[in-house]
C-alpha atoms as a PDB file:
ATOM      1  CA  MET A   1     -43.166  12.219  66.688  1.00  0.00           C
ATOM      2  CA  LEU A   2     -40.770   9.944  68.513  1.00  0.00           C
ATOM      3  CA  CYS A   3     -40.151   8.068  65.258  1.00  0.00           C
ATOM      4  CA  CYS A   4     -39.149  11.222  63.358  1.00  0.00           C
ATOM      5  CA  ALA A   5     -36.756  12.342  66.205  1.00  0.00           C
ATOM      6  CA  ALA A   6     -35.088   8.870  66.227  1.00  0.00           C
ATOM      7  CA  LEU A   7     -34.742   8.887  62.487  1.00  0.00           C
ATOM      8  CA  ALA A   8     -33.105  12.299  62.537  1.00  0.00           C
ATOM      9  CA  ALA A   9     -30.755  11.216  65.214  1.00  0.00           C
ATOM     10  CA  VAL A  10     -29.672   8.110  63.360  1.00  0.00           C
ATOM     11  CA  SER A  11     -29.213   9.996  60.027  1.00  0.00           C
ATOM     12  CA  GLY A  12     -27.288  12.764  61.816  1.00  0.00           C
ATOM     13  CA  ALA A  13     -24.949  10.266  63.433  1.00  0.00           C
ATOM     14  CA  ALA A  14     -24.133   8.567  60.059  1.00  0.00           C
ATOM     15  CA  GLY A  15     -22.418  11.613  58.726  1.00  0.00           C
ATOM     16  CA  ALA A  16     -22.755  15.369  58.772  1.00  0.00           C
ATOM     17  CA  ASP A  17     -22.083  15.836  55.032  1.00  0.00           C
ATOM     18  CA  THR A  18     -24.791  14.125  53.106  1.00  0.00           C
ATOM     19  CA  ASN A  19     -23.822  15.698  49.781  1.00  0.00           C
ATOM     20  CA  ALA A  20     -20.401  13.892  49.631  1.00  0.00           C
ATOM     21  CA  ALA A  21     -19.779  11.454  46.841  1.00  0.00           C
ATOM     22  CA  PRO A  22     -19.979   7.756  47.850  1.00  0.00           C
ATOM     23  CA  VAL A  23     -16.684   6.070  48.129  1.00  0.00           C
ATOM     24  CA  ARG A  24     -16.444   3.438  45.375  1.00  0.00           C
ATOM     25  CA  PRO A  25     -13.603   0.860  45.046  1.00  0.00           C
ATOM     26  CA  LYS A  26     -11.488   0.988  41.971  1.00  0.00           C
ATOM     27  CA  SER A  27     -11.921  -1.762  39.425  1.00  0.00           C
ATOM     28  CA  VAL A  28      -8.803  -4.053  38.865  1.00  0.00           C
ATOM     29  CA  PHE A  29      -8.578  -5.942  35.670  1.00  0.00           C
ATOM     30  CA  ILE A  30      -6.103  -8.817  35.261  1.00  0.00           C
ATOM     31  CA  ASP A  31      -5.273 -10.117  31.799  1.00  0.00           C
ATOM     32  CA  ASP A  32      -3.910 -13.542  32.543  1.00  0.00           C
ATOM     33  CA  VAL A  33      -3.586 -15.807  29.497  1.00  0.00           C
ATOM     34  CA  ALA A  34      -3.766 -18.871  31.764  1.00  0.00           C
ATOM     35  CA  PHE A  35      -7.162 -17.719  33.232  1.00  0.00           C
ATOM     36  CA  GLY A  36     -10.364 -16.988  31.576  1.00  0.00           C
ATOM     37  CA  ARG A  37     -11.462 -16.690  27.905  1.00  0.00           C
ATOM     38  CA  ASP A  38     -12.684 -14.097  25.471  1.00  0.00           C
ATOM     39  CA  PRO A  39     -16.426 -13.715  26.067  1.00  0.00           C
ATOM     40  CA  PHE A  40     -17.108 -12.723  22.443  1.00  0.00           C
ATOM     41  CA  PHE A  41     -14.991 -15.460  20.847  1.00  0.00           C
ATOM     42  CA  PRO A  42     -14.886 -18.316  23.349  1.00  0.00           C
ATOM     43  CA  ASN A  43     -13.263 -20.815  21.047  1.00  0.00           C
ATOM     44  CA  SER A  44     -10.511 -18.396  20.001  1.00  0.00           C
ATOM     45  CA  THR A  45      -6.875 -19.426  20.599  1.00  0.00           C
ATOM     46  CA  ARG A  46      -5.251 -16.040  19.958  1.00  0.00           C
ATOM     47  CA  ARG A  47      -4.742 -15.374  23.696  1.00  0.00           C
ATOM     48  CA  SER A  48      -2.945 -18.721  24.225  1.00  0.00           C
ATOM     49  CA  HIS A  49      -0.062 -17.783  21.910  1.00  0.00           C
ATOM     50  CA  SER A  50       2.955 -16.342  23.673  1.00  0.00           C
ATOM     51  CA  THR A  51       4.274 -13.122  22.352  1.00  0.00           C
ATOM     52  CA  ALA A  52       8.025 -13.209  22.257  1.00  0.00           C
ATOM     53  CA  PRO A  53       9.731  -9.877  22.029  1.00  0.00           C
ATOM     54  CA  ALA A  54      10.765  -8.895  18.477  1.00  0.00           C
ATOM     55  CA  THR A  55      14.433  -9.174  17.606  1.00  0.00           C
ATOM     56  CA  ALA A  56      16.011  -6.336  15.760  1.00  0.00           C
ATOM     57  CA  ALA A  57      16.509  -7.942  12.258  1.00  0.00           C
ATOM     58  CA  PRO A  58      18.348  -6.021   9.524  1.00  0.00           C
ATOM     59  CA  VAL A  59      15.701  -3.965   7.687  1.00  0.00           C
ATOM     60  CA  SER A  60      15.699  -4.226   3.915  1.00  0.00           C
ATOM     61  CA  VAL A  61      13.187  -3.186   1.176  1.00  0.00           C
ATOM     62  CA  ALA A  62      12.679  -6.913   0.270  1.00  0.00           C
ATOM     63  CA  ASN A  63      11.416  -8.015   3.572  1.00  0.00           C
ATOM     64  CA  LEU A  64       9.400  -4.800   4.132  1.00  0.00           C
ATOM     65  CA  ALA A  65       7.314  -5.188   1.033  1.00  0.00           C
ATOM     66  CA  LEU A  66       7.496  -1.513   0.087  1.00  0.00           C
ATOM     67  CA  SER A  67       6.319  -0.828  -3.471  1.00  0.00           C
ATOM     68  CA  LEU A  68       6.411   2.319  -5.546  1.00  0.00           C
ATOM     69  CA  LYS A  69       2.839   2.643  -7.127  1.00  0.00           C
ATOM     70  CA  GLY A  70       3.351   5.754  -9.043  1.00  0.00           C
ATOM     71  CA  ILE A  71       5.138   9.038  -9.714  1.00  0.00           C
ATOM     72  CA  SER A  72       3.379  12.363 -10.595  1.00  0.00           C
ATOM     73  CA  GLY A  73       4.606  14.422 -13.487  1.00  0.00           C
ATOM     74  CA  SER A  74       4.070  17.759 -11.680  1.00  0.00           C
ATOM     75  CA  LYS A  75       6.711  20.056 -10.321  1.00  0.00           C
ATOM     76  CA  PRO A  76       7.653  19.194  -7.596  1.00  0.00           C
ATOM     77  CA  PRO A  77       7.136  15.485  -8.277  1.00  0.00           C
ATOM     78  CA  TYR A  78       5.341  13.307  -5.817  1.00  0.00           C
ATOM     79  CA  ALA A  79       5.874   9.542  -5.280  1.00  0.00           C
ATOM     80  CA  LEU A  80       3.158   7.098  -4.211  1.00  0.00           C
ATOM     81  CA  ILE A  81       4.719   4.433  -1.890  1.00  0.00           C
ATOM     82  CA  ASN A  82       2.318   1.893  -0.320  1.00  0.00           C
ATOM     83  CA  ASN A  83      -0.688   4.417  -0.638  1.00  0.00           C
ATOM     84  CA  THR A  84       1.407   7.250   0.998  1.00  0.00           C
ATOM     85  CA  THR A  85       2.363  10.301  -1.029  1.00  0.00           C
ATOM     86  CA  LEU A  86       5.832  11.707  -0.497  1.00  0.00           C
ATOM     87  CA  SER A  87       7.856  14.470  -2.007  1.00  0.00           C
ATOM     88  CA  GLU A  88      11.635  14.845  -1.941  1.00  0.00           C
ATOM     89  CA  GLY A  89      12.986  15.478   1.624  1.00  0.00           C
ATOM     90  CA  GLU A  90       9.657  14.467   3.206  1.00  0.00           C
ATOM     91  CA  GLU A  91       9.279  11.871   5.881  1.00  0.00           C
ATOM     92  CA  ALA A  92       6.272   9.685   6.621  1.00  0.00           C
ATOM     93  CA  GLU A  93       5.209   6.648   8.519  1.00  0.00           C
ATOM     94  CA  ILE A  94       4.169   3.863   6.162  1.00  0.00           C
ATOM     95  CA  ARG A  95       2.267   0.804   7.381  1.00  0.00           C
ATOM     96  CA  VAL A  96       3.745  -2.500   6.133  1.00  0.00           C
ATOM     97  CA  GLY A  97       1.755  -5.484   7.343  1.00  0.00           C
ATOM     98  CA  ARG A  98       1.370  -5.098  11.109  1.00  0.00           C
ATOM     99  CA  GLU A  99       4.302  -2.749  11.409  1.00  0.00           C
ATOM    100  CA  THR A 100       4.768   1.003  10.824  1.00  0.00           C
ATOM    101  CA  ILE A 101       8.091   2.261   9.658  1.00  0.00           C
ATOM    102  CA  LYS A 102       9.345   5.737   9.160  1.00  0.00           C
ATOM    103  CA  VAL A 103      10.688   6.538   5.629  1.00  0.00           C
ATOM    104  CA  ARG A 104      12.392   9.565   4.132  1.00  0.00           C
ATOM    105  CA  CYS A 105      12.121  10.222   0.342  1.00  0.00           C
ATOM    106  CA  THR A 106      15.588  11.428  -0.790  1.00  0.00           C
ATOM    107  CA  GLU A 107      15.249  11.641  -4.547  1.00  0.00           C
ATOM    108  CA  ILE A 108      12.538  11.138  -7.101  1.00  0.00           C
ATOM    109  CA  ARG A 109      13.492  10.251 -10.696  1.00  0.00           C
ATOM    110  CA  ASP A 110      11.384   9.430 -13.787  1.00  0.00           C
ATOM    111  CA  ARG A 111      10.970   5.689 -13.144  1.00  0.00           C
ATOM    112  CA  SER A 112      12.399   5.192  -9.536  1.00  0.00           C
ATOM    113  CA  VAL A 113      12.503   6.708  -6.087  1.00  0.00           C
ATOM    114  CA  PHE A 114      15.396   6.661  -3.494  1.00  0.00           C
ATOM    115  CA  ILE A 115      14.237   6.351   0.105  1.00  0.00           C
ATOM    116  CA  GLU A 116      15.918   5.960   3.374  1.00  0.00           C
ATOM    117  CA  ILE A 117      14.486   3.959   6.286  1.00  0.00           C
ATOM    118  CA  VAL A 118      14.923   6.385   9.139  1.00  0.00           C
ATOM    119  CA  GLY A 119      17.279   5.073  11.727  1.00  0.00           C
ATOM    120  CA  THR A 120      19.299   2.731   9.432  1.00  0.00           C
ATOM    121  CA  GLY A 121      21.076   5.319   7.351  1.00  0.00           C
ATOM    122  CA  ARG A 122      20.789   3.091   4.256  1.00  0.00           C
ATOM    123  CA  ILE A 123      19.331   4.306   0.950  1.00  0.00           C
ATOM    124  CA  HIS A 124      17.154   1.992  -1.066  1.00  0.00           C
ATOM    125  CA  GLU A 125      15.845   2.375  -4.635  1.00  0.00           C
ATOM    126  CA  LEU A 126      12.251   1.526  -5.373  1.00  0.00           C
ATOM    127  CA  LYS A 127      11.481   1.152  -9.111  1.00  0.00           C
ATOM    128  CA  LEU A 128       8.205   1.281 -11.072  1.00  0.00           C
ATOM    129  CA  ARG A 129       7.052  -2.001 -12.468  1.00  0.00           C
ATOM    130  CA  ASP A 130       7.185  -2.352 -16.269  1.00  0.00           C
ATOM    131  CA  GLY A 131       3.897  -1.415 -17.855  1.00  0.00           C
ATOM    132  CA  ILE A 132       3.009   1.485 -15.339  1.00  0.00           C
END
């Protein structure tokens, strides 16, 4: 009987609210390239490369690798640019390599499409390849 009374006194002194959630410390993750390694690819060197901020280079169709893959014959016509379908006046984000650029289709002709890379204000013409 004395054991039970002592146990009740100890548990009562620990805290009145036994239904409260336990206090847990927050986890802190530090991604330091100079410390540690990738546990899944321990021989990888991808974390050791420094990532320099990208400079704003002039954007052109030649260095973006945009290609016109097809034009539909329907009304209104649709253009297929890098696996993205656009109609006249429509904007879309097109993935080019590791980047995504926003493009507006301004005009669709029989064998070419005029696009504007949003933010540059310049119009570029994409032509169908011969044989398509």
